[in-house]
C-alpha atoms as a PDB file:
ATOM      1  CA  UNK A   1      13.979 -14.512  21.180  1.00  0.00           C
ATOM      2  CA  UNK A   2      11.426 -12.609  19.100  1.00  0.00           C
ATOM      3  CA  UNK A   3      12.619 -11.597  15.626  1.00  0.00           C
ATOM      4  CA  UNK A   4      12.216  -7.873  14.988  1.00  0.00           C
ATOM      5  CA  UNK A   5      10.745  -6.632  11.707  1.00  0.00           C
ATOM      6  CA  UNK A   6      13.034  -4.640   9.422  1.00  0.00           C
ATOM      7  CA  UNK A   7      10.230  -2.223   8.533  1.00  0.00           C
ATOM      8  CA  UNK A   8      10.445   1.348   9.734  1.00  0.00           C
ATOM      9  CA  UNK A   9       7.815   4.041  10.040  1.00  0.00           C
ATOM     10  CA  UNK A  10       8.153   6.975   7.585  1.00  0.00           C
ATOM     11  CA  UNK A  11      10.366   4.936   5.225  1.00  0.00           C
ATOM     12  CA  UNK A  12       9.479   4.404   1.549  1.00  0.00           C
ATOM     13  CA  UNK A  13       9.092   0.962  -0.025  1.00  0.00           C
ATOM     14  CA  UNK A  14       8.055  -0.380  -3.425  1.00  0.00           C
ATOM     15  CA  UNK A  15       5.255  -2.981  -3.410  1.00  0.00           C
ATOM     16  CA  UNK A  16       2.769  -4.699  -5.707  1.00  0.00           C
ATOM     17  CA  UNK A  17      -0.846  -4.770  -4.554  1.00  0.00           C
ATOM     18  CA  UNK A  18      -2.038  -8.379  -4.198  1.00  0.00           C
ATOM     19  CA  UNK A  19      -5.725  -7.925  -3.362  1.00  0.00           C
ATOM     20  CA  UNK A  20      -8.386  -5.613  -1.972  1.00  0.00           C
ATOM     21  CA  UNK A  21      -9.352  -5.782   1.680  1.00  0.00           C
ATOM     22  CA  UNK A  22     -12.909  -5.806   3.049  1.00  0.00           C
ATOM     23  CA  UNK A  23     -12.995  -1.985   3.195  1.00  0.00           C
ATOM     24  CA  UNK A  24     -11.622  -1.534  -0.347  1.00  0.00           C
ATOM     25  CA  UNK A  25      -8.002  -0.707   0.485  1.00  0.00           C
ATOM     26  CA  UNK A  26      -5.200  -2.484  -1.343  1.00  0.00           C
ATOM     27  CA  UNK A  27      -3.250  -5.152   0.527  1.00  0.00           C
ATOM     28  CA  UNK A  28       0.338  -6.182  -0.027  1.00  0.00           C
ATOM     29  CA  UNK A  29       2.910  -8.200   1.935  1.00  0.00           C
ATOM     30  CA  UNK A  30       6.166  -6.633   3.018  1.00  0.00           C
ATOM     31  CA  UNK A  31       8.685  -8.377   5.269  1.00  0.00           C
ATOM     32  CA  UNK A  32       6.035 -11.027   6.199  1.00  0.00           C
ATOM     33  CA  UNK A  33       3.654  -8.295   7.351  1.00  0.00           C
ATOM     34  CA  UNK A  34       0.336  -7.330   5.749  1.00  0.00           C
ATOM     35  CA  UNK A  35       0.396  -3.708   4.566  1.00  0.00           C
ATOM     36  CA  UNK A  36      -2.912  -1.896   4.012  1.00  0.00           C
ATOM     37  CA  UNK A  37      -2.728   0.846   1.379  1.00  0.00           C
ATOM     38  CA  UNK A  38      -5.828   2.933   0.537  1.00  0.00           C
ATOM     39  CA  UNK A  39      -6.473   4.222  -3.007  1.00  0.00           C
ATOM     40  CA  UNK A  40      -4.749   1.317  -4.757  1.00  0.00           C
ATOM     41  CA  UNK A  41      -5.931  -1.493  -7.018  1.00  0.00           C
ATOM     42  CA  UNK A  42      -4.787  -5.114  -7.443  1.00  0.00           C
ATOM     43  CA  UNK A  43      -1.671  -5.620  -9.576  1.00  0.00           C
ATOM     44  CA  UNK A  44      -0.547  -1.994  -9.245  1.00  0.00           C
ATOM     45  CA  UNK A  45       3.092  -1.402  -8.466  1.00  0.00           C
ATOM     46  CA  UNK A  46       3.365   1.535  -6.088  1.00  0.00           C
ATOM     47  CA  UNK A  47       5.876   3.412  -4.005  1.00  0.00           C
ATOM     48  CA  UNK A  48       4.537   3.807  -0.452  1.00  0.00           C
ATOM     49  CA  UNK A  49       5.490   5.477   2.803  1.00  0.00           C
ATOM     50  CA  UNK A  50       4.709   3.502   5.959  1.00  0.00           C
ATOM     51  CA  UNK A  51       2.656   5.678   8.296  1.00  0.00           C
ATOM     52  CA  UNK A  52       1.724   3.208  11.045  1.00  0.00           C
ATOM     53  CA  UNK A  53       3.214  -0.104  12.215  1.00  0.00           C
ATOM     54  CA  UNK A  54       1.284  -2.591  14.351  1.00  0.00           C
ATOM     55  CA  UNK A  55       2.248  -6.051  15.590  1.00  0.00           C
ATOM     56  CA  UNK A  56       0.657  -7.966  12.688  1.00  0.00           C
ATOM     57  CA  UNK A  57       0.133  -5.335  10.000  1.00  0.00           C
ATOM     58  CA  UNK A  58       1.080  -1.866   8.796  1.00  0.00           C
ATOM     59  CA  UNK A  59      -0.564   1.048   7.029  1.00  0.00           C
ATOM     60  CA  UNK A  60       0.950   2.802   4.046  1.00  0.00           C
ATOM     61  CA  UNK A  61       0.278   5.907   1.981  1.00  0.00           C
ATOM     62  CA  UNK A  62       0.841   6.054  -1.786  1.00  0.00           C
ATOM     63  CA  UNK A  63       3.754   8.262  -2.781  1.00  0.00           C
ATOM     64  CA  UNK A  64       3.754   7.344  -6.483  1.00  0.00           C
ATOM     65  CA  UNK A  65       1.935   4.858  -8.727  1.00  0.00           C
ATOM     66  CA  UNK A  66       4.689   3.191 -10.750  1.00  0.00           C
ATOM     67  CA  UNK A  67       2.532   0.819 -12.813  1.00  0.00           C
ATOM     68  CA  UNK A  68      -1.209   1.622 -12.737  1.00  0.00           C
ATOM     69  CA  UNK A  69      -3.895  -1.041 -12.976  1.00  0.00           C
ATOM     70  CA  UNK A  70      -5.720  -1.364 -16.284  1.00  0.00           C
ATOM     71  CA  UNK A  71      -8.879  -0.730 -14.221  1.00  0.00           C
ATOM     72  CA  UNK A  72      -7.709   2.662 -12.900  1.00  0.00           C
ATOM     73  CA  UNK A  73      -9.788   5.587 -14.180  1.00  0.00           C
ATOM     74  CA  UNK A  74      -9.225   9.307 -14.019  1.00  0.00           C
ATOM     75  CA  UNK A  75     -11.748  10.974 -11.706  1.00  0.00           C
ATOM     76  CA  UNK A  76     -14.361  13.062 -13.565  1.00  0.00           C
ATOM     77  CA  UNK A  77     -13.939  15.934 -11.086  1.00  0.00           C
ATOM     78  CA  UNK A  78     -10.584  17.796 -10.940  1.00  0.00           C
ATOM     79  CA  UNK A  79     -10.997  18.263  -7.171  1.00  0.00           C
ATOM     80  CA  UNK A  80     -10.929  14.459  -6.653  1.00  0.00           C
ATOM     81  CA  UNK A  81      -7.499  14.043  -8.237  1.00  0.00           C
END
């Protein structure tokens, strides 16, 4: 019998970004599933909301940056923030 993931769409989780993917989005593992999270940097601890679940991976959206990366910079334009 196939084991079902405990992840649920629209639920919030706390993760640490492990690496950047080929398109620049942060990647973390959650419940043995790769989670792709745009606008994050490696080693950041973030609170995310899962917005899409697929068979092998999921997509998340940042709700709050708990611990920012030392490489994070404030955008020079107020519209970008």
